[in-house]
Amino acid sequence: MLDGKYTSSLNTPMGAINGVITLMSNGNQVQGIVEIMGMKNQFQGMKTNENTANFKGNFNTPMGNIDYTANVMVNGNMLELMANTNKGNFKIQGKRM
């Protein structure tokens, strides 16, 4: 099941960036919020099955605007997300709160 709130960690060359990802599904649609670096950004997408989804969003950061598409998979209480952005590709791991 995708729905839930997850602590998350993104490893970067400058160190780990921690945040929270909230996923909410309704039928085949998924939406949520990414909270990272003191900012909240909403996203929308589609479930591909009970444990996976694809979504896209936009993140405004001090370094500029980051558009992204993401694939997320939840296995038990663990979240694994691969984000493709205009600044590169990032793997984010999380755990259900």
PDB file of N, CA and C in Angstrom:
ATOM      1  N   MET A   1       0.835  -1.180   0.000  1.00  0.00           N
ATOM      2  CA  MET A   1       0.000   0.000   0.000  1.00  0.00           C
ATOM      3  C   MET A   1       0.881   1.245   0.000  1.00  0.00           C
ATOM      4  N   LEU A   2       0.593   2.163  -0.907  1.00  0.00           N
ATOM      5  CA  LEU A   2       1.382   3.381  -1.059  1.00  0.00           C
ATOM      6  C   LEU A   2       1.123   4.415   0.027  1.00  0.00           C
ATOM      7  N   ASP A   3      -0.135   4.574   0.411  1.00  0.00           N
ATOM      8  CA  ASP A   3      -0.530   5.684   1.271  1.00  0.00           C
ATOM      9  C   ASP A   3       0.256   5.713   2.573  1.00  0.00           C
ATOM     10  N   GLY A   4       0.727   6.898   2.914  1.00  0.00           N
ATOM     11  CA  GLY A   4       1.443   7.053   4.168  1.00  0.00           C
ATOM     12  C   GLY A   4       2.374   8.241   4.125  1.00  0.00           C
ATOM     13  N   LYS A   5       3.019   8.442   5.252  1.00  0.00           N
ATOM     14  CA  LYS A   5       4.008   9.503   5.412  1.00  0.00           C
ATOM     15  C   LYS A   5       5.341   8.812   5.667  1.00  0.00           C
ATOM     16  N   TYR A   6       6.382   9.221   4.932  1.00  0.00           N
ATOM     17  CA  TYR A   6       7.670   8.549   4.975  1.00  0.00           C
ATOM     18  C   TYR A   6       8.788   9.542   5.270  1.00  0.00           C
ATOM     19  N   THR A   7       9.677   9.197   6.195  1.00  0.00           N
ATOM     20  CA  THR A   7      10.905   9.966   6.334  1.00  0.00           C
ATOM     21  C   THR A   7      11.733   9.609   5.106  1.00  0.00           C
ATOM     22  N   SER A   8      12.527  10.546   4.616  1.00  0.00           N
ATOM     23  CA  SER A   8      13.294  10.270   3.403  1.00  0.00           C
ATOM     24  C   SER A   8      14.698  10.825   3.528  1.00  0.00           C
ATOM     25  N   SER A   9      15.591  10.262   2.738  1.00  0.00           N
ATOM     26  CA  SER A   9      16.976  10.710   2.717  1.00  0.00           C
ATOM     27  C   SER A   9      17.485  10.665   1.287  1.00  0.00           C
ATOM     28  N   LEU A  10      18.082  11.775   0.863  1.00  0.00           N
ATOM     29  CA  LEU A  10      18.675  11.902  -0.458  1.00  0.00           C
ATOM     30  C   LEU A  10      20.160  12.128  -0.270  1.00  0.00           C
ATOM     31  N   ASN A  11      20.979  11.220  -0.787  1.00  0.00           N
ATOM     32  CA  ASN A  11      22.430  11.376  -0.693  1.00  0.00           C
ATOM     33  C   ASN A  11      22.910  12.273  -1.824  1.00  0.00           C
ATOM     34  N   THR A  12      23.630  13.332  -1.478  1.00  0.00           N
ATOM     35  CA  THR A  12      24.167  14.269  -2.452  1.00  0.00           C
ATOM     36  C   THR A  12      25.666  14.418  -2.200  1.00  0.00           C
ATOM     37  N   PRO A  13      26.396  15.005  -3.150  1.00  0.00           N
ATOM     38  CA  PRO A  13      27.829  15.244  -2.913  1.00  0.00           C
ATOM     39  C   PRO A  13      28.081  16.133  -1.688  1.00  0.00           C
ATOM     40  N   MET A  14      27.074  16.939  -1.295  1.00  0.00           N
ATOM     41  CA  MET A  14      27.222  17.811  -0.133  1.00  0.00           C
ATOM     42  C   MET A  14      26.744  17.146   1.152  1.00  0.00           C
ATOM     43  N   GLY A  15      26.369  15.863   1.082  1.00  0.00           N
ATOM     44  CA  GLY A  15      25.877  15.140   2.247  1.00  0.00           C
ATOM     45  C   GLY A  15      24.408  14.770   2.096  1.00  0.00           C
ATOM     46  N   ALA A  16      23.866  14.106   3.095  1.00  0.00           N
ATOM     47  CA  ALA A  16      22.476  13.659   3.065  1.00  0.00           C
ATOM     48  C   ALA A  16      21.526  14.836   3.283  1.00  0.00           C
ATOM     49  N   ILE A  17      20.442  14.832   2.529  1.00  0.00           N
ATOM     50  CA  ILE A  17      19.369  15.801   2.721  1.00  0.00           C
ATOM     51  C   ILE A  17      18.149  15.008   3.162  1.00  0.00           C
ATOM     52  N   ASN A  18      17.645  15.301   4.352  1.00  0.00           N
ATOM     53  CA  ASN A  18      16.506  14.570   4.908  1.00  0.00           C
ATOM     54  C   ASN A  18      15.214  15.333   4.687  1.00  0.00           C
ATOM     55  N   GLY A  19      14.106  14.599   4.585  1.00  0.00           N
ATOM     56  CA  GLY A  19      12.812  15.216   4.375  1.00  0.00           C
ATOM     57  C   GLY A  19      11.690  14.256   4.686  1.00  0.00           C
ATOM     58  N   VAL A  20      10.495  14.621   4.233  1.00  0.00           N
ATOM     59  CA  VAL A  20       9.297  13.806   4.430  1.00  0.00           C
ATOM     60  C   VAL A  20       8.529  13.761   3.109  1.00  0.00           C
ATOM     61  N   ILE A  21       8.068  12.577   2.746  1.00  0.00           N
ATOM     62  CA  ILE A  21       7.240  12.394   1.553  1.00  0.00           C
ATOM     63  C   ILE A  21       5.906  11.832   2.009  1.00  0.00           C
ATOM     64  N   THR A  22       4.815  12.483   1.603  1.00  0.00           N
ATOM     65  CA  THR A  22       3.461  12.018   1.911  1.00  0.00           C
ATOM     66  C   THR A  22       2.818  11.543   0.624  1.00  0.00           C
ATOM     67  N   LEU A  23       2.296  10.312   0.623  1.00  0.00           N
ATOM     68  CA  LEU A  23       1.600   9.742  -0.531  1.00  0.00           C
ATOM     69  C   LEU A  23       0.149   9.470  -0.170  1.00  0.00           C
ATOM     70  N   MET A  24      -0.762   9.876  -1.067  1.00  0.00           N
ATOM     71  CA  MET A  24      -2.188   9.628  -0.885  1.00  0.00           C
ATOM     72  C   MET A  24      -2.754   9.167  -2.220  1.00  0.00           C
ATOM     73  N   SER A  25      -3.470   8.039  -2.225  1.00  0.00           N
ATOM     74  CA  SER A  25      -4.050   7.542  -3.464  1.00  0.00           C
ATOM     75  C   SER A  25      -5.566   7.547  -3.378  1.00  0.00           C
ATOM     76  N   ASN A  26      -6.166   7.691  -4.557  1.00  0.00           N
ATOM     77  CA  ASN A  26      -7.619   7.647  -4.708  1.00  0.00           C
ATOM     78  C   ASN A  26      -7.884   6.967  -6.040  1.00  0.00           C
ATOM     79  N   GLY A  27      -8.282   5.697  -5.993  1.00  0.00           N
ATOM     80  CA  GLY A  27      -8.419   4.943  -7.233  1.00  0.00           C
ATOM     81  C   GLY A  27      -7.047   4.772  -7.855  1.00  0.00           C
ATOM     82  N   ASN A  28      -6.922   5.140  -9.126  1.00  0.00           N
ATOM     83  CA  ASN A  28      -5.639   5.026  -9.821  1.00  0.00           C
ATOM     84  C   ASN A  28      -4.791   6.286  -9.723  1.00  0.00           C
ATOM     85  N   GLN A  29      -5.297   7.310  -9.068  1.00  0.00           N
ATOM     86  CA  GLN A  29      -4.552   8.556  -8.960  1.00  0.00           C
ATOM     87  C   GLN A  29      -3.774   8.605  -7.653  1.00  0.00           C
ATOM     88  N   VAL A  30      -2.629   9.277  -7.710  1.00  0.00           N
ATOM     89  CA  VAL A  30      -1.811   9.474  -6.508  1.00  0.00           C
ATOM     90  C   VAL A  30      -1.410  10.949  -6.457  1.00  0.00           C
ATOM     91  N   GLN A  31      -1.366  11.461  -5.266  1.00  0.00           N
ATOM     92  CA  GLN A  31      -0.898  12.828  -5.061  1.00  0.00           C
ATOM     93  C   GLN A  31      -0.160  12.869  -3.738  1.00  0.00           C
ATOM     94  N   GLY A  32       0.529  13.965  -3.506  1.00  0.00           N
ATOM     95  CA  GLY A  32       1.243  14.058  -2.255  1.00  0.00           C
ATOM     96  C   GLY A  32       2.052  15.317  -2.140  1.00  0.00           C
ATOM     97  N   ILE A  33       2.921  15.293  -1.139  1.00  0.00           N
ATOM     98  CA  ILE A  33       3.755  16.448  -0.824  1.00  0.00           C
ATOM     99  C   ILE A  33       5.171  15.958  -0.517  1.00  0.00           C
ATOM    100  N   VAL A  34       6.143  16.659  -1.088  1.00  0.00           N
ATOM    101  CA  VAL A  34       7.540  16.448  -0.738  1.00  0.00           C
ATOM    102  C   VAL A  34       7.957  17.626   0.122  1.00  0.00           C
ATOM    103  N   GLU A  35       8.438  17.340   1.338  1.00  0.00           N
ATOM    104  CA  GLU A  35       8.928  18.376   2.251  1.00  0.00           C
ATOM    105  C   GLU A  35      10.428  18.164   2.414  1.00  0.00           C
ATOM    106  N   ILE A  36      11.203  19.139   1.928  1.00  0.00           N
ATOM    107  CA  ILE A  36      12.652  19.029   1.994  1.00  0.00           C
ATOM    108  C   ILE A  36      13.257  20.422   2.002  1.00  0.00           C
ATOM    109  N   MET A  37      14.311  20.607   2.733  1.00  0.00           N
ATOM    110  CA  MET A  37      15.006  21.888   2.852  1.00  0.00           C
ATOM    111  C   MET A  37      14.059  23.022   3.266  1.00  0.00           C
ATOM    112  N   GLY A  38      13.112  22.708   4.146  1.00  0.00           N
ATOM    113  CA  GLY A  38      12.184  23.719   4.644  1.00  0.00           C
ATOM    114  C   GLY A  38      11.097  24.126   3.667  1.00  0.00           C
ATOM    115  N   MET A  39      10.970  23.420   2.544  1.00  0.00           N
ATOM    116  CA  MET A  39       9.959  23.751   1.531  1.00  0.00           C
ATOM    117  C   MET A  39       9.019  22.574   1.329  1.00  0.00           C
ATOM    118  N   LYS A  40       7.790  22.893   0.917  1.00  0.00           N
ATOM    119  CA  LYS A  40       6.790  21.878   0.600  1.00  0.00           C
ATOM    120  C   LYS A  40       6.382  22.041  -0.858  1.00  0.00           C
ATOM    121  N   ASN A  41       6.377  20.928  -1.583  1.00  0.00           N
ATOM    122  CA  ASN A  41       5.961  20.934  -2.976  1.00  0.00           C
ATOM    123  C   ASN A  41       5.009  19.778  -3.235  1.00  0.00           C
ATOM    124  N   GLN A  42       3.912  20.081  -3.914  1.00  0.00           N
ATOM    125  CA  GLN A  42       2.903  19.077  -4.219  1.00  0.00           C
ATOM    126  C   GLN A  42       3.219  18.383  -5.540  1.00  0.00           C
ATOM    127  N   PHE A  43       2.727  17.150  -5.672  1.00  0.00           N
ATOM    128  CA  PHE A  43       2.875  16.406  -6.923  1.00  0.00           C
ATOM    129  C   PHE A  43       1.604  15.622  -7.196  1.00  0.00           C
ATOM    130  N   GLN A  44       1.453  15.177  -8.455  1.00  0.00           N
ATOM    131  CA  GLN A  44       0.320  14.364  -8.880  1.00  0.00           C
ATOM    132  C   GLN A  44       0.793  13.300  -9.853  1.00  0.00           C
ATOM    133  N   GLY A  45       0.095  12.174  -9.874  1.00  0.00           N
ATOM    134  CA  GLY A  45       0.458  11.117 -10.801  1.00  0.00           C
ATOM    135  C   GLY A  45      -0.535   9.984 -10.794  1.00  0.00           C
ATOM    136  N   MET A  46      -0.064   8.831 -11.245  1.00  0.00           N
ATOM    137  CA  MET A  46      -0.916   7.652 -11.387  1.00  0.00           C
ATOM    138  C   MET A  46      -0.287   6.442 -10.707  1.00  0.00           C
ATOM    139  N   LYS A  47      -1.136   5.642 -10.056  1.00  0.00           N
ATOM    140  CA  LYS A  47      -0.678   4.368  -9.520  1.00  0.00           C
ATOM    141  C   LYS A  47      -0.515   3.400 -10.679  1.00  0.00           C
ATOM    142  N   THR A  48       0.532   2.595 -10.631  1.00  0.00           N
ATOM    143  CA  THR A  48       0.685   1.552 -11.637  1.00  0.00           C
ATOM    144  C   THR A  48       0.251   0.197 -11.071  1.00  0.00           C
ATOM    145  N   ASN A  49       0.280   0.064  -9.749  1.00  0.00           N
ATOM    146  CA  ASN A  49      -0.334  -1.059  -9.032  1.00  0.00           C
ATOM    147  C   ASN A  49      -0.419  -0.662  -7.562  1.00  0.00           C
ATOM    148  N   GLU A  50      -0.721  -1.581  -6.677  1.00  0.00           N
ATOM    149  CA  GLU A  50      -0.921  -1.235  -5.260  1.00  0.00           C
ATOM    150  C   GLU A  50       0.315  -0.666  -4.585  1.00  0.00           C
ATOM    151  N   ASN A  51       1.508  -1.012  -5.099  1.00  0.00           N
ATOM    152  CA  ASN A  51       2.745  -0.618  -4.426  1.00  0.00           C
ATOM    153  C   ASN A  51       3.641   0.303  -5.241  1.00  0.00           C
ATOM    154  N   THR A  52       3.220   0.708  -6.437  1.00  0.00           N
ATOM    155  CA  THR A  52       4.062   1.567  -7.274  1.00  0.00           C
ATOM    156  C   THR A  52       3.242   2.675  -7.896  1.00  0.00           C
ATOM    157  N   ALA A  53       3.932   3.772  -8.215  1.00  0.00           N
ATOM    158  CA  ALA A  53       3.279   4.912  -8.859  1.00  0.00           C
ATOM    159  C   ALA A  53       4.321   5.731  -9.610  1.00  0.00           C
ATOM    160  N   ASN A  54       3.832   6.531 -10.540  1.00  0.00           N
ATOM    161  CA  ASN A  54       4.641   7.503 -11.272  1.00  0.00           C
ATOM    162  C   ASN A  54       4.013   8.865 -11.038  1.00  0.00           C
ATOM    163  N   PHE A  55       4.822   9.889 -10.835  1.00  0.00           N
ATOM    164  CA  PHE A  55       4.272  11.231 -10.672  1.00  0.00           C
ATOM    165  C   PHE A  55       5.270  12.270 -11.143  1.00  0.00           C
ATOM    166  N   LYS A  56       4.795  13.508 -11.259  1.00  0.00           N
ATOM    167  CA  LYS A  56       5.679  14.595 -11.651  1.00  0.00           C
ATOM    168  C   LYS A  56       5.362  15.819 -10.818  1.00  0.00           C
ATOM    169  N   GLY A  57       6.353  16.680 -10.720  1.00  0.00           N
ATOM    170  CA  GLY A  57       6.181  17.885  -9.934  1.00  0.00           C
ATOM    171  C   GLY A  57       7.254  18.903 -10.270  1.00  0.00           C
ATOM    172  N   ASN A  58       7.267  19.968  -9.495  1.00  0.00           N
ATOM    173  CA  ASN A  58       8.194  21.061  -9.689  1.00  0.00           C
ATOM    174  C   ASN A  58       8.646  21.531  -8.318  1.00  0.00           C
ATOM    175  N   PHE A  59       9.932  21.717  -8.162  1.00  0.00           N
ATOM    176  CA  PHE A  59      10.502  22.099  -6.885  1.00  0.00           C
ATOM    177  C   PHE A  59      11.247  23.415  -7.048  1.00  0.00           C
ATOM    178  N   ASN A  60      10.845  24.442  -6.309  1.00  0.00           N
ATOM    179  CA  ASN A  60      11.556  25.711  -6.327  1.00  0.00           C
ATOM    180  C   ASN A  60      12.591  25.693  -5.218  1.00  0.00           C
ATOM    181  N   THR A  61      13.858  25.857  -5.578  1.00  0.00           N
ATOM    182  CA  THR A  61      14.947  25.828  -4.602  1.00  0.00           C
ATOM    183  C   THR A  61      15.779  27.096  -4.733  1.00  0.00           C
ATOM    184  N   PRO A  62      16.616  27.366  -3.756  1.00  0.00           N
ATOM    185  CA  PRO A  62      17.518  28.513  -3.878  1.00  0.00           C
ATOM    186  C   PRO A  62      18.458  28.405  -5.089  1.00  0.00           C
ATOM    187  N   MET A  63      18.674  27.169  -5.579  1.00  0.00           N
ATOM    188  CA  MET A  63      19.546  26.955  -6.730  1.00  0.00           C
ATOM    189  C   MET A  63      18.780  27.002  -8.051  1.00  0.00           C
ATOM    190  N   GLY A  64      17.479  27.253  -7.995  1.00  0.00           N
ATOM    191  CA  GLY A  64      16.674  27.326  -9.209  1.00  0.00           C
ATOM    192  C   GLY A  64      15.507  26.369  -9.189  1.00  0.00           C
ATOM    193  N   ASN A  65      14.772  26.385 -10.271  1.00  0.00           N
ATOM    194  CA  ASN A  65      13.587  25.569 -10.444  1.00  0.00           C
ATOM    195  C   ASN A  65      13.982  24.158 -10.892  1.00  0.00           C
ATOM    196  N   ILE A  66      13.447  23.141 -10.241  1.00  0.00           N
ATOM    197  CA  ILE A  66      13.741  21.755 -10.603  1.00  0.00           C
ATOM    198  C   ILE A  66      12.439  21.060 -10.978  1.00  0.00           C
ATOM    199  N   ASP A  67      12.304  20.705 -12.266  1.00  0.00           N
ATOM    200  CA  ASP A  67      11.183  19.890 -12.726  1.00  0.00           C
ATOM    201  C   ASP A  67      11.595  18.436 -12.576  1.00  0.00           C
ATOM    202  N   TYR A  68      10.648  17.579 -12.188  1.00  0.00           N
ATOM    203  CA  TYR A  68      11.009  16.175 -12.016  1.00  0.00           C
ATOM    204  C   TYR A  68       9.869  15.247 -12.385  1.00  0.00           C
ATOM    205  N   THR A  69      10.238  14.036 -12.754  1.00  0.00           N
ATOM    206  CA  THR A  69       9.321  12.907 -12.840  1.00  0.00           C
ATOM    207  C   THR A  69       9.889  11.865 -11.892  1.00  0.00           C
ATOM    208  N   ALA A  70       9.032  11.078 -11.284  1.00  0.00           N
ATOM    209  CA  ALA A  70       9.508  10.111 -10.302  1.00  0.00           C
ATOM    210  C   ALA A  70       8.751   8.797 -10.410  1.00  0.00           C
ATOM    211  N   ASN A  71       9.450   7.733 -10.107  1.00  0.00           N
ATOM    212  CA  ASN A  71       8.877   6.400  -9.959  1.00  0.00           C
ATOM    213  C   ASN A  71       9.086   6.015  -8.507  1.00  0.00           C
ATOM    214  N   VAL A  72       7.999   5.603  -7.856  1.00  0.00           N
ATOM    215  CA  VAL A  72       8.092   5.240  -6.450  1.00  0.00           C
ATOM    216  C   VAL A  72       7.576   3.826  -6.247  1.00  0.00           C
ATOM    217  N   MET A  73       8.243   3.096  -5.345  1.00  0.00           N
ATOM    218  CA  MET A  73       7.812   1.751  -4.980  1.00  0.00           C
ATOM    219  C   MET A  73       7.842   1.653  -3.461  1.00  0.00           C
ATOM    220  N   VAL A  74       6.797   1.082  -2.897  1.00  0.00           N
ATOM    221  CA  VAL A  74       6.737   0.841  -1.459  1.00  0.00           C
ATOM    222  C   VAL A  74       6.734  -0.663  -1.242  1.00  0.00           C
ATOM    223  N   ASN A  75       7.663  -1.124  -0.404  1.00  0.00           N
ATOM    224  CA  ASN A  75       7.757  -2.528  -0.059  1.00  0.00           C
ATOM    225  C   ASN A  75       7.662  -2.621   1.458  1.00  0.00           C
ATOM    226  N   GLY A  76       6.488  -2.994   1.967  1.00  0.00           N
ATOM    227  CA  GLY A  76       6.265  -3.002   3.408  1.00  0.00           C
ATOM    228  C   GLY A  76       6.272  -1.576   3.920  1.00  0.00           C
ATOM    229  N   ASN A  77       7.217  -1.257   4.794  1.00  0.00           N
ATOM    230  CA  ASN A  77       7.339   0.099   5.333  1.00  0.00           C
ATOM    231  C   ASN A  77       8.447   0.911   4.670  1.00  0.00           C
ATOM    232  N   MET A  78       9.061   0.341   3.639  1.00  0.00           N
ATOM    233  CA  MET A  78      10.192   1.000   2.984  1.00  0.00           C
ATOM    234  C   MET A  78       9.762   1.605   1.648  1.00  0.00           C
ATOM    235  N   LEU A  79      10.234   2.817   1.391  1.00  0.00           N
ATOM    236  CA  LEU A  79       9.953   3.538   0.159  1.00  0.00           C
ATOM    237  C   LEU A  79      11.247   3.677  -0.627  1.00  0.00           C
ATOM    238  N   GLU A  80      11.155   3.460  -1.933  1.00  0.00           N
ATOM    239  CA  GLU A  80      12.290   3.692  -2.820  1.00  0.00           C
ATOM    240  C   GLU A  80      11.786   4.532  -3.980  1.00  0.00           C
ATOM    241  N   LEU A  81      12.428   5.651  -4.214  1.00  0.00           N
ATOM    242  CA  LEU A  81      11.983   6.602  -5.227  1.00  0.00           C
ATOM    243  C   LEU A  81      13.152   6.968  -6.119  1.00  0.00           C
ATOM    244  N   MET A  82      12.921   6.942  -7.432  1.00  0.00           N
ATOM    245  CA  MET A  82      13.924   7.384  -8.395  1.00  0.00           C
ATOM    246  C   MET A  82      13.361   8.617  -9.089  1.00  0.00           C
ATOM    247  N   ALA A  83      14.048   9.755  -8.917  1.00  0.00           N
ATOM    248  CA  ALA A  83      13.607  11.015  -9.506  1.00  0.00           C
ATOM    249  C   ALA A  83      14.522  11.392 -10.664  1.00  0.00           C
ATOM    250  N   ASN A  84      13.918  11.709 -11.794  1.00  0.00           N
ATOM    251  CA  ASN A  84      14.641  12.208 -12.957  1.00  0.00           C
ATOM    252  C   ASN A  84      14.361  13.696 -13.047  1.00  0.00           C
ATOM    253  N   THR A  85      15.411  14.516 -12.972  1.00  0.00           N
ATOM    254  CA  THR A  85      15.238  15.965 -12.932  1.00  0.00           C
ATOM    255  C   THR A  85      16.072  16.638 -14.012  1.00  0.00           C
ATOM    256  N   ASN A  86      15.834  17.937 -14.178  1.00  0.00           N
ATOM    257  CA  ASN A  86      16.658  18.719 -15.090  1.00  0.00           C
ATOM    258  C   ASN A  86      18.036  18.999 -14.492  1.00  0.00           C
ATOM    259  N   LYS A  87      18.297  18.525 -13.271  1.00  0.00           N
ATOM    260  CA  LYS A  87      19.601  18.669 -12.598  1.00  0.00           C
ATOM    261  C   LYS A  87      20.283  17.320 -12.399  1.00  0.00           C
ATOM    262  N   GLY A  88      19.718  16.250 -12.956  1.00  0.00           N
ATOM    263  CA  GLY A  88      20.281  14.911 -12.803  1.00  0.00           C
ATOM    264  C   GLY A  88      19.270  13.938 -12.229  1.00  0.00           C
ATOM    265  N   ASN A  89      19.693  12.701 -12.030  1.00  0.00           N
ATOM    266  CA  ASN A  89      18.838  11.648 -11.483  1.00  0.00           C
ATOM    267  C   ASN A  89      19.223  11.390 -10.030  1.00  0.00           C
ATOM    268  N   PHE A  90      18.202  11.159  -9.191  1.00  0.00           N
ATOM    269  CA  PHE A  90      18.425  10.988  -7.765  1.00  0.00           C
ATOM    270  C   PHE A  90      17.626   9.804  -7.242  1.00  0.00           C
ATOM    271  N   LYS A  91      18.252   9.058  -6.343  1.00  0.00           N
ATOM    272  CA  LYS A  91      17.576   7.944  -5.659  1.00  0.00           C
ATOM    273  C   LYS A  91      17.299   8.390  -4.227  1.00  0.00           C
ATOM    274  N   ILE A  92      16.039   8.248  -3.813  1.00  0.00           N
ATOM    275  CA  ILE A  92      15.633   8.630  -2.466  1.00  0.00           C
ATOM    276  C   ILE A  92      15.080   7.392  -1.779  1.00  0.00           C
ATOM    277  N   GLN A  93      15.516   7.160  -0.559  1.00  0.00           N
ATOM    278  CA  GLN A  93      15.007   6.046   0.232  1.00  0.00           C
ATOM    279  C   GLN A  93      14.269   6.597   1.438  1.00  0.00           C
ATOM    280  N   GLY A  94      13.234   5.873   1.872  1.00  0.00           N
ATOM    281  CA  GLY A  94      12.462   6.330   3.008  1.00  0.00           C
ATOM    282  C   GLY A  94      11.881   5.187   3.813  1.00  0.00           C
ATOM    283  N   LYS A  95      11.327   5.559   4.971  1.00  0.00           N
ATOM    284  CA  LYS A  95      10.693   4.601   5.867  1.00  0.00           C
ATOM    285  C   LYS A  95       9.397   5.204   6.391  1.00  0.00           C
ATOM    286  N   ARG A  96       8.350   4.370   6.405  1.00  0.00           N
ATOM    287  CA  ARG A  96       7.042   4.811   6.880  1.00  0.00           C
ATOM    288  C   ARG A  96       7.152   5.300   8.328  1.00  0.00           C
ATOM    289  N   MET A  97       6.530   6.435   8.591  1.00  0.00           N
ATOM    290  CA  MET A  97       6.539   7.017   9.940  1.00  0.00           C
ATOM    291  C   MET A  97       5.466   6.377  10.796  1.00  0.00           C
TER     292      MET A  97
END
